[in-house]
Amino acid sequence: NHIRLKLFWLVQLFLAVAQAQDIFGIGEYEEGPCGRWKPGDVDLRSFDLIREFHLDRLEANSRHVYSIEGTNSYQTAYRLENEANLTMRSIDAFPRGLPHQFSLECTYRTEREPVSSWHLFEVANEHHDSQLAITMNPGRQTLEIGLPGLEGELQIVEYHHSALFDQRWHKIMLGVTEDYLNLWVDCQPVKDVDGNLNAPLEPRGRFDIANGFVSISRYAETTVSEPESPIVDLQWMVMNCDPTRPARGTCDELPVY
């Protein structure tokens, strides 16, 4: 009887843990790049994408990437010309995969308005299908966020924000949780085209990035093998494992227009 009682409580404990993992999203993604985390953790992993792309080294070897003064005299930015090629294998940038929940911050400026839609940031699989895309659409004056659904299709959250296309410095901060997406532009929260600050997301599967590619500043109509970039000044692009981080962000580095 004692052994049966002990087994009973072990089973109950196992079921309780399994239920907690299901409710809180714990366990399934612990083996990814973030492991367990709590909002506000200061030591969560970050991915400095400018460093990952070695823009300082690329500048020395390319006529199409060079350093300029950033948002102030203390900041360095990089100008990407049309022929700049900022595409690399996803496994080199994210060897343990993409975080399922994350934030992304980017400070950028367009030298002149691009002629067509372009990816500020995109991760694609080996078939060149987008898995994560932050796309600027100058024709519609919209910012579009693409994330994978359970069946591999891309779900799009759209934001209308014409100021993003005015050739001034802007800071985009994006927070992606299990269930919703937040956007801040210049530290101000932005509603999606349906009026949501917490834009709801359909259930999502894992990012399929095996043998895939990561691109920064690429026209959507071009391929990763033959990319073309709009003329963009890029000062900062960081992905972090904490999706709540942008809510605590600042924009002190931005000029006051």
C-alpha atoms as a PDB file:
ATOM      1  CA  ASN A   1       0.000   0.000   0.000  1.00  0.00           C
ATOM      2  CA  HIS A   2       2.835   2.366   0.844  1.00  0.00           C
ATOM      3  CA  ILE A   3       4.450   1.765  -2.560  1.00  0.00           C
ATOM      4  CA  ARG A   4       1.127   2.277  -4.358  1.00  0.00           C
ATOM      5  CA  LEU A   5       0.556   5.541  -2.499  1.00  0.00           C
ATOM      6  CA  LYS A   6       4.030   6.735  -3.394  1.00  0.00           C
ATOM      7  CA  LEU A   7       3.496   5.866  -7.054  1.00  0.00           C
ATOM      8  CA  PHE A   8       0.140   7.663  -6.984  1.00  0.00           C
ATOM      9  CA  TRP A   9       1.725  10.897  -5.759  1.00  0.00           C
ATOM     10  CA  LEU A  10       4.583  10.612  -8.242  1.00  0.00           C
ATOM     11  CA  VAL A  11       2.056  10.332 -11.066  1.00  0.00           C
ATOM     12  CA  GLN A  12       0.153  13.351  -9.711  1.00  0.00           C
ATOM     13  CA  LEU A  13       3.380  15.351  -9.551  1.00  0.00           C
ATOM     14  CA  PHE A  14       4.257  14.383 -13.109  1.00  0.00           C
ATOM     15  CA  LEU A  15       0.815  15.437 -14.359  1.00  0.00           C
ATOM     16  CA  ALA A  16       1.031  18.748 -12.496  1.00  0.00           C
ATOM     17  CA  VAL A  17       4.422  19.533 -14.030  1.00  0.00           C
ATOM     18  CA  ALA A  18       3.173  18.587 -17.491  1.00  0.00           C
ATOM     19  CA  GLN A  19       0.136  20.828 -17.045  1.00  0.00           C
ATOM     20  CA  ALA A  20       2.315  23.736 -15.914  1.00  0.00           C
ATOM     21  CA  GLN A  21       4.532  23.283 -18.949  1.00  0.00           C
ATOM     22  CA  ASP A  22       1.492  23.339 -21.197  1.00  0.00           C
ATOM     23  CA  ILE A  23       0.003  26.415 -19.556  1.00  0.00           C
ATOM     24  CA  PHE A  24       3.133  28.498 -19.268  1.00  0.00           C
ATOM     25  CA  GLY A  25       4.949  27.308 -22.343  1.00  0.00           C
ATOM     26  CA  ILE A  26       7.766  25.849 -20.262  1.00  0.00           C
ATOM     27  CA  GLY A  27       9.776  22.933 -21.488  1.00  0.00           C
ATOM     28  CA  GLU A  28       9.163  22.814 -25.229  1.00  0.00           C
ATOM     29  CA  TYR A  29      11.629  25.600 -25.981  1.00  0.00           C
ATOM     30  CA  GLU A  30      14.046  25.209 -23.058  1.00  0.00           C
ATOM     31  CA  GLU A  31      16.588  23.585 -25.353  1.00  0.00           C
ATOM     32  CA  GLY A  32      16.569  26.654 -27.601  1.00  0.00           C
ATOM     33  CA  PRO A  33      18.844  29.667 -27.255  1.00  0.00           C
ATOM     34  CA  CYS A  34      16.964  31.188 -24.312  1.00  0.00           C
ATOM     35  CA  GLY A  35      16.142  28.340 -21.919  1.00  0.00           C
ATOM     36  CA  ARG A  36      13.964  29.355 -18.983  1.00  0.00           C
ATOM     37  CA  TRP A  37      13.537  33.056 -18.430  1.00  0.00           C
ATOM     38  CA  LYS A  38      11.527  35.599 -16.471  1.00  0.00           C
ATOM     39  CA  PRO A  39      10.508  39.043 -17.733  1.00  0.00           C
ATOM     40  CA  GLY A  40      13.120  41.573 -16.694  1.00  0.00           C
ATOM     41  CA  ASP A  41      16.004  39.103 -16.352  1.00  0.00           C
ATOM     42  CA  VAL A  42      19.103  41.211 -16.982  1.00  0.00           C
ATOM     43  CA  ASP A  43      21.341  38.352 -18.088  1.00  0.00           C
ATOM     44  CA  LEU A  44      19.179  37.001 -20.898  1.00  0.00           C
ATOM     45  CA  ARG A  45      20.989  36.303 -24.117  1.00  0.00           C
ATOM     46  CA  SER A  46      21.181  38.970 -26.808  1.00  0.00           C
ATOM     47  CA  PHE A  47      22.149  38.681 -30.456  1.00  0.00           C
ATOM     48  CA  ASP A  48      23.962  41.774 -31.746  1.00  0.00           C
ATOM     49  CA  LEU A  49      23.236  41.422 -35.444  1.00  0.00           C
ATOM     50  CA  ILE A  50      25.591  44.205 -36.515  1.00  0.00           C
ATOM     51  CA  ARG A  51      28.374  42.320 -34.777  1.00  0.00           C
ATOM     52  CA  GLU A  52      27.212  38.989 -36.218  1.00  0.00           C
ATOM     53  CA  PHE A  53      27.526  40.444 -39.711  1.00  0.00           C
ATOM     54  CA  HIS A  54      30.956  41.945 -38.894  1.00  0.00           C
ATOM     55  CA  LEU A  55      30.038  45.289 -40.434  1.00  0.00           C
ATOM     56  CA  ASP A  56      33.275  46.824 -39.159  1.00  0.00           C
ATOM     57  CA  ARG A  57      35.266  44.236 -41.124  1.00  0.00           C
ATOM     58  CA  LEU A  58      32.899  44.333 -44.083  1.00  0.00           C
ATOM     59  CA  GLU A  59      33.468  48.080 -44.332  1.00  0.00           C
ATOM     60  CA  ALA A  60      37.201  47.500 -44.822  1.00  0.00           C
ATOM     61  CA  ASN A  61      36.609  45.095 -47.714  1.00  0.00           C
ATOM     62  CA  SER A  62      33.549  46.503 -49.445  1.00  0.00           C
ATOM     63  CA  ARG A  63      32.813  49.684 -51.349  1.00  0.00           C
ATOM     64  CA  HIS A  64      29.143  49.265 -50.517  1.00  0.00           C
ATOM     65  CA  VAL A  65      29.260  49.402 -46.701  1.00  0.00           C
ATOM     66  CA  TYR A  66      30.941  52.230 -44.802  1.00  0.00           C
ATOM     67  CA  SER A  67      30.746  53.905 -41.408  1.00  0.00           C
ATOM     68  CA  ILE A  68      29.123  57.290 -40.849  1.00  0.00           C
ATOM     69  CA  GLU A  69      28.155  59.387 -37.846  1.00  0.00           C
ATOM     70  CA  GLY A  70      25.037  57.962 -36.257  1.00  0.00           C
ATOM     71  CA  THR A  71      22.242  59.650 -34.350  1.00  0.00           C
ATOM     72  CA  ASN A  72      24.819  61.821 -32.557  1.00  0.00           C
ATOM     73  CA  SER A  73      28.578  62.390 -32.566  1.00  0.00           C
ATOM     74  CA  TYR A  74      29.103  59.515 -30.121  1.00  0.00           C
ATOM     75  CA  GLN A  75      27.333  56.935 -32.257  1.00  0.00           C
ATOM     76  CA  THR A  76      28.616  55.049 -35.286  1.00  0.00           C
ATOM     77  CA  ALA A  77      26.259  53.831 -37.977  1.00  0.00           C
ATOM     78  CA  TYR A  78      26.823  51.959 -41.228  1.00  0.00           C
ATOM     79  CA  ARG A  79      25.535  53.027 -44.604  1.00  0.00           C
ATOM     80  CA  LEU A  80      24.419  50.186 -46.831  1.00  0.00           C
ATOM     81  CA  GLU A  81      24.489  50.947 -50.543  1.00  0.00           C
ATOM     82  CA  ASN A  82      22.381  49.183 -53.169  1.00  0.00           C
ATOM     83  CA  GLU A  83      25.039  46.532 -53.815  1.00  0.00           C
ATOM     84  CA  ALA A  84      25.557  45.723 -50.122  1.00  0.00           C
ATOM     85  CA  ASN A  85      25.096  42.033 -49.377  1.00  0.00           C
ATOM     86  CA  LEU A  86      24.093  41.384 -45.773  1.00  0.00           C
ATOM     87  CA  THR A  87      23.041  37.762 -46.034  1.00  0.00           C
ATOM     88  CA  MET A  88      24.513  34.907 -44.024  1.00  0.00           C
ATOM     89  CA  ARG A  89      23.643  31.348 -43.084  1.00  0.00           C
ATOM     90  CA  SER A  90      21.135  31.259 -40.243  1.00  0.00           C
ATOM     91  CA  ILE A  91      23.120  28.631 -38.352  1.00  0.00           C
ATOM     92  CA  ASP A  92      26.058  31.057 -38.141  1.00  0.00           C
ATOM     93  CA  ALA A  93      23.901  33.786 -36.601  1.00  0.00           C
ATOM     94  CA  PHE A  94      21.659  31.490 -34.530  1.00  0.00           C
ATOM     95  CA  PRO A  95      23.491  28.182 -33.939  1.00  0.00           C
ATOM     96  CA  ARG A  96      20.857  27.049 -31.404  1.00  0.00           C
ATOM     97  CA  GLY A  97      17.916  28.317 -33.415  1.00  0.00           C
ATOM     98  CA  LEU A  98      15.729  31.391 -33.167  1.00  0.00           C
ATOM     99  CA  PRO A  99      14.047  32.222 -29.847  1.00  0.00           C
ATOM    100  CA  HIS A 100      10.339  31.438 -29.878  1.00  0.00           C
ATOM    101  CA  GLN A 101       9.628  34.534 -27.782  1.00  0.00           C
ATOM    102  CA  PHE A 102      11.896  37.521 -28.290  1.00  0.00           C
ATOM    103  CA  SER A 103      12.332  41.233 -28.752  1.00  0.00           C
ATOM    104  CA  LEU A 104      14.083  43.011 -31.591  1.00  0.00           C
ATOM    105  CA  GLU A 105      15.324  46.600 -31.560  1.00  0.00           C
ATOM    106  CA  CYS A 106      16.628  48.506 -34.553  1.00  0.00           C
ATOM    107  CA  THR A 107      17.729  52.104 -35.102  1.00  0.00           C
ATOM    108  CA  TYR A 108      17.852  53.029 -38.778  1.00  0.00           C
ATOM    109  CA  ARG A 109      17.370  55.763 -41.374  1.00  0.00           C
ATOM    110  CA  THR A 110      16.629  55.562 -45.092  1.00  0.00           C
ATOM    111  CA  GLU A 111      18.716  57.901 -47.239  1.00  0.00           C
ATOM    112  CA  ARG A 112      15.850  58.226 -49.706  1.00  0.00           C
ATOM    113  CA  GLU A 113      12.551  56.433 -49.927  1.00  0.00           C
ATOM    114  CA  PRO A 114      13.030  52.917 -51.338  1.00  0.00           C
ATOM    115  CA  VAL A 115      11.158  52.182 -54.532  1.00  0.00           C
ATOM    116  CA  SER A 116       9.507  48.963 -53.357  1.00  0.00           C
ATOM    117  CA  SER A 117       8.969  46.739 -50.320  1.00  0.00           C
ATOM    118  CA  TRP A 118      12.105  45.703 -48.477  1.00  0.00           C
ATOM    119  CA  HIS A 119      12.997  43.483 -45.551  1.00  0.00           C
ATOM    120  CA  LEU A 120      14.598  45.348 -42.699  1.00  0.00           C
ATOM    121  CA  PHE A 121      15.251  41.874 -41.299  1.00  0.00           C
ATOM    122  CA  GLU A 122      14.353  38.451 -42.620  1.00  0.00           C
ATOM    123  CA  VAL A 123      15.053  34.840 -41.707  1.00  0.00           C
ATOM    124  CA  ALA A 124      14.231  32.265 -44.390  1.00  0.00           C
ATOM    125  CA  ASN A 125      14.413  28.478 -44.590  1.00  0.00           C
ATOM    126  CA  GLU A 126      16.430  26.497 -47.117  1.00  0.00           C
ATOM    127  CA  HIS A 127      13.657  26.928 -49.693  1.00  0.00           C
ATOM    128  CA  HIS A 128      13.867  30.717 -49.229  1.00  0.00           C
ATOM    129  CA  ASP A 129      10.433  30.815 -47.569  1.00  0.00           C
ATOM    130  CA  SER A 130      10.203  33.551 -44.927  1.00  0.00           C
ATOM    131  CA  GLN A 131      10.110  32.380 -41.322  1.00  0.00           C
ATOM    132  CA  LEU A 132      10.451  35.809 -39.739  1.00  0.00           C
ATOM    133  CA  ALA A 133      10.168  39.001 -41.748  1.00  0.00           C
ATOM    134  CA  ILE A 134      10.094  42.673 -40.790  1.00  0.00           C
ATOM    135  CA  THR A 135       9.067  44.307 -44.030  1.00  0.00           C
ATOM    136  CA  MET A 136       8.731  47.977 -44.950  1.00  0.00           C
ATOM    137  CA  ASN A 137       6.128  48.733 -47.612  1.00  0.00           C
ATOM    138  CA  PRO A 138       6.616  52.327 -48.837  1.00  0.00           C
ATOM    139  CA  GLY A 139       3.700  52.133 -51.256  1.00  0.00           C
ATOM    140  CA  ARG A 140       1.224  51.485 -48.439  1.00  0.00           C
ATOM    141  CA  GLN A 141       3.286  53.241 -45.731  1.00  0.00           C
ATOM    142  CA  THR A 142       3.091  50.102 -43.612  1.00  0.00           C
ATOM    143  CA  LEU A 143       5.356  47.940 -41.511  1.00  0.00           C
ATOM    144  CA  GLU A 144       4.526  44.243 -41.777  1.00  0.00           C
ATOM    145  CA  ILE A 145       5.635  41.553 -39.331  1.00  0.00           C
ATOM    146  CA  GLY A 146       5.560  37.979 -40.636  1.00  0.00           C
ATOM    147  CA  LEU A 147       5.686  34.934 -38.333  1.00  0.00           C
ATOM    148  CA  PRO A 148       5.094  31.246 -39.112  1.00  0.00           C
ATOM    149  CA  GLY A 149       1.804  29.533 -38.340  1.00  0.00           C
ATOM    150  CA  LEU A 150       1.440  25.913 -37.275  1.00  0.00           C
ATOM    151  CA  GLU A 151       1.183  24.685 -40.866  1.00  0.00           C
ATOM    152  CA  GLY A 152       4.170  26.680 -42.091  1.00  0.00           C
ATOM    153  CA  GLU A 153       2.107  29.502 -43.573  1.00  0.00           C
ATOM    154  CA  LEU A 154       3.128  33.080 -42.755  1.00  0.00           C
ATOM    155  CA  GLN A 155       0.790  35.115 -40.556  1.00  0.00           C
ATOM    156  CA  ILE A 156       1.128  38.860 -41.073  1.00  0.00           C
ATOM    157  CA  VAL A 157       0.560  41.651 -38.555  1.00  0.00           C
ATOM    158  CA  GLU A 158       0.356  45.030 -40.268  1.00  0.00           C
ATOM    159  CA  TYR A 159       0.983  48.533 -38.910  1.00  0.00           C
ATOM    160  CA  HIS A 160       0.338  51.810 -40.706  1.00  0.00           C
ATOM    161  CA  HIS A 161       2.990  54.376 -39.746  1.00  0.00           C
ATOM    162  CA  SER A 162       3.942  56.913 -42.412  1.00  0.00           C
ATOM    163  CA  ALA A 163       6.663  58.553 -40.272  1.00  0.00           C
ATOM    164  CA  LEU A 164       8.824  55.460 -40.715  1.00  0.00           C
ATOM    165  CA  PHE A 165       9.378  56.500 -44.339  1.00  0.00           C
ATOM    166  CA  ASP A 166      10.464  60.136 -43.825  1.00  0.00           C
ATOM    167  CA  GLN A 167      14.280  59.743 -44.056  1.00  0.00           C
ATOM    168  CA  ARG A 168      14.812  60.543 -40.368  1.00  0.00           C
ATOM    169  CA  TRP A 169      16.311  58.357 -37.678  1.00  0.00           C
ATOM    170  CA  HIS A 170      13.788  55.987 -36.132  1.00  0.00           C
ATOM    171  CA  LYS A 171      13.890  53.253 -33.537  1.00  0.00           C
ATOM    172  CA  ILE A 172      11.689  50.194 -33.958  1.00  0.00           C
ATOM    173  CA  MET A 173      11.175  47.893 -30.981  1.00  0.00           C
ATOM    174  CA  LEU A 174       9.257  44.670 -31.367  1.00  0.00           C
ATOM    175  CA  GLY A 175       8.112  42.240 -28.673  1.00  0.00           C
ATOM    176  CA  VAL A 176       6.882  38.772 -29.677  1.00  0.00           C
ATOM    177  CA  THR A 177       5.312  36.534 -27.029  1.00  0.00           C
ATOM    178  CA  GLU A 178       3.543  33.205 -27.380  1.00  0.00           C
ATOM    179  CA  ASP A 179       0.170  34.881 -27.944  1.00  0.00           C
ATOM    180  CA  TYR A 180       0.639  38.462 -29.091  1.00  0.00           C
ATOM    181  CA  LEU A 181       2.944  41.022 -30.644  1.00  0.00           C
ATOM    182  CA  ASN A 182       3.794  44.576 -29.558  1.00  0.00           C
ATOM    183  CA  LEU A 183       5.379  47.366 -31.596  1.00  0.00           C
ATOM    184  CA  TRP A 184       6.971  50.590 -30.419  1.00  0.00           C
ATOM    185  CA  VAL A 185       8.161  53.290 -32.816  1.00  0.00           C
ATOM    186  CA  ASP A 186      10.446  55.892 -31.261  1.00  0.00           C
ATOM    187  CA  CYS A 187       9.416  54.535 -27.849  1.00  0.00           C
ATOM    188  CA  GLN A 188       5.708  55.092 -28.488  1.00  0.00           C
ATOM    189  CA  PRO A 189       3.392  52.049 -28.571  1.00  0.00           C
ATOM    190  CA  VAL A 190       1.687  51.573 -31.924  1.00  0.00           C
ATOM    191  CA  LYS A 191      -1.633  49.879 -32.699  1.00  0.00           C
ATOM    192  CA  ASP A 192      -1.920  47.472 -35.601  1.00  0.00           C
ATOM    193  CA  VAL A 193      -4.333  48.196 -38.453  1.00  0.00           C
ATOM    194  CA  ASP A 194      -7.092  46.456 -36.474  1.00  0.00           C
ATOM    195  CA  GLY A 195      -6.587  48.766 -33.482  1.00  0.00           C
ATOM    196  CA  ASN A 196      -4.727  46.326 -31.205  1.00  0.00           C
ATOM    197  CA  LEU A 197      -1.796  47.298 -29.017  1.00  0.00           C
ATOM    198  CA  ASN A 198      -1.405  43.604 -28.186  1.00  0.00           C
ATOM    199  CA  ALA A 199      -1.810  42.237 -31.698  1.00  0.00           C
ATOM    200  CA  PRO A 200      -3.108  38.653 -31.313  1.00  0.00           C
ATOM    201  CA  LEU A 201      -1.119  35.826 -32.876  1.00  0.00           C
ATOM    202  CA  GLU A 202      -2.362  32.500 -34.135  1.00  0.00           C
ATOM    203  CA  PRO A 203      -0.671  29.405 -32.634  1.00  0.00           C
ATOM    204  CA  ARG A 204       2.918  29.204 -33.832  1.00  0.00           C
ATOM    205  CA  GLY A 205       5.277  26.344 -34.514  1.00  0.00           C
ATOM    206  CA  ARG A 206       9.036  26.347 -34.388  1.00  0.00           C
ATOM    207  CA  PHE A 207      11.033  28.473 -36.786  1.00  0.00           C
ATOM    208  CA  ASP A 208      12.289  26.331 -39.663  1.00  0.00           C
ATOM    209  CA  ILE A 209      15.730  27.828 -40.259  1.00  0.00           C
ATOM    210  CA  ALA A 210      17.836  24.716 -40.881  1.00  0.00           C
ATOM    211  CA  ASN A 211      20.108  25.420 -43.857  1.00  0.00           C
ATOM    212  CA  GLY A 212      18.384  28.796 -44.134  1.00  0.00           C
ATOM    213  CA  PHE A 213      19.519  32.392 -44.394  1.00  0.00           C
ATOM    214  CA  VAL A 214      19.416  35.655 -42.460  1.00  0.00           C
ATOM    215  CA  SER A 215      19.199  38.936 -44.375  1.00  0.00           C
ATOM    216  CA  ILE A 216      19.381  42.569 -43.323  1.00  0.00           C
ATOM    217  CA  SER A 217      18.118  45.321 -45.620  1.00  0.00           C
ATOM    218  CA  ARG A 218      17.097  43.440 -48.749  1.00  0.00           C
ATOM    219  CA  TYR A 219      14.479  44.287 -51.338  1.00  0.00           C
ATOM    220  CA  ALA A 220      11.696  41.713 -51.024  1.00  0.00           C
ATOM    221  CA  GLU A 221      11.685  41.114 -54.772  1.00  0.00           C
ATOM    222  CA  THR A 222      15.340  40.017 -54.753  1.00  0.00           C
ATOM    223  CA  THR A 223      16.747  36.667 -53.653  1.00  0.00           C
ATOM    224  CA  VAL A 224      19.283  35.799 -50.976  1.00  0.00           C
ATOM    225  CA  SER A 225      21.649  34.633 -53.725  1.00  0.00           C
ATOM    226  CA  GLU A 226      21.347  37.928 -55.631  1.00  0.00           C
ATOM    227  CA  PRO A 227      20.320  40.499 -53.007  1.00  0.00           C
ATOM    228  CA  GLU A 228      19.906  44.215 -53.511  1.00  0.00           C
ATOM    229  CA  SER A 229      19.584  46.706 -50.669  1.00  0.00           C
ATOM    230  CA  PRO A 230      17.898  50.075 -50.391  1.00  0.00           C
ATOM    231  CA  ILE A 231      20.252  52.809 -49.205  1.00  0.00           C
ATOM    232  CA  VAL A 232      19.909  52.495 -45.437  1.00  0.00           C
ATOM    233  CA  ASP A 233      21.852  53.777 -42.437  1.00  0.00           C
ATOM    234  CA  LEU A 234      21.914  51.150 -39.700  1.00  0.00           C
ATOM    235  CA  GLN A 235      23.072  51.981 -36.178  1.00  0.00           C
ATOM    236  CA  TRP A 236      21.619  49.269 -33.986  1.00  0.00           C
ATOM    237  CA  MET A 237      19.964  45.893 -34.436  1.00  0.00           C
ATOM    238  CA  VAL A 238      19.710  43.535 -31.468  1.00  0.00           C
ATOM    239  CA  MET A 239      17.508  40.523 -30.746  1.00  0.00           C
ATOM    240  CA  ASN A 240      16.937  39.589 -27.100  1.00  0.00           C
ATOM    241  CA  CYS A 241      15.274  36.627 -25.408  1.00  0.00           C
ATOM    242  CA  ASP A 242      12.993  38.889 -23.315  1.00  0.00           C
ATOM    243  CA  PRO A 243       9.886  39.961 -25.298  1.00  0.00           C
ATOM    244  CA  THR A 244       9.009  42.547 -22.611  1.00  0.00           C
ATOM    245  CA  ARG A 245      12.280  44.435 -22.947  1.00  0.00           C
ATOM    246  CA  PRO A 246      11.004  47.157 -25.347  1.00  0.00           C
ATOM    247  CA  ALA A 247       8.503  48.344 -22.726  1.00  0.00           C
ATOM    248  CA  ARG A 248      11.505  49.450 -20.664  1.00  0.00           C
ATOM    249  CA  GLY A 249      13.477  50.849 -23.595  1.00  0.00           C
ATOM    250  CA  THR A 250      14.560  54.450 -24.100  1.00  0.00           C
ATOM    251  CA  CYS A 251      15.120  56.626 -27.147  1.00  0.00           C
ATOM    252  CA  ASP A 252      17.635  59.057 -25.670  1.00  0.00           C
ATOM    253  CA  GLU A 253      19.962  58.543 -28.628  1.00  0.00           C
ATOM    254  CA  LEU A 254      17.420  59.794 -31.187  1.00  0.00           C
ATOM    255  CA  PRO A 255      17.657  63.400 -32.424  1.00  0.00           C
ATOM    256  CA  VAL A 256      14.896  65.796 -31.413  1.00  0.00           C
ATOM    257  CA  TYR A 257      13.303  66.924 -34.670  1.00  0.00           C
END
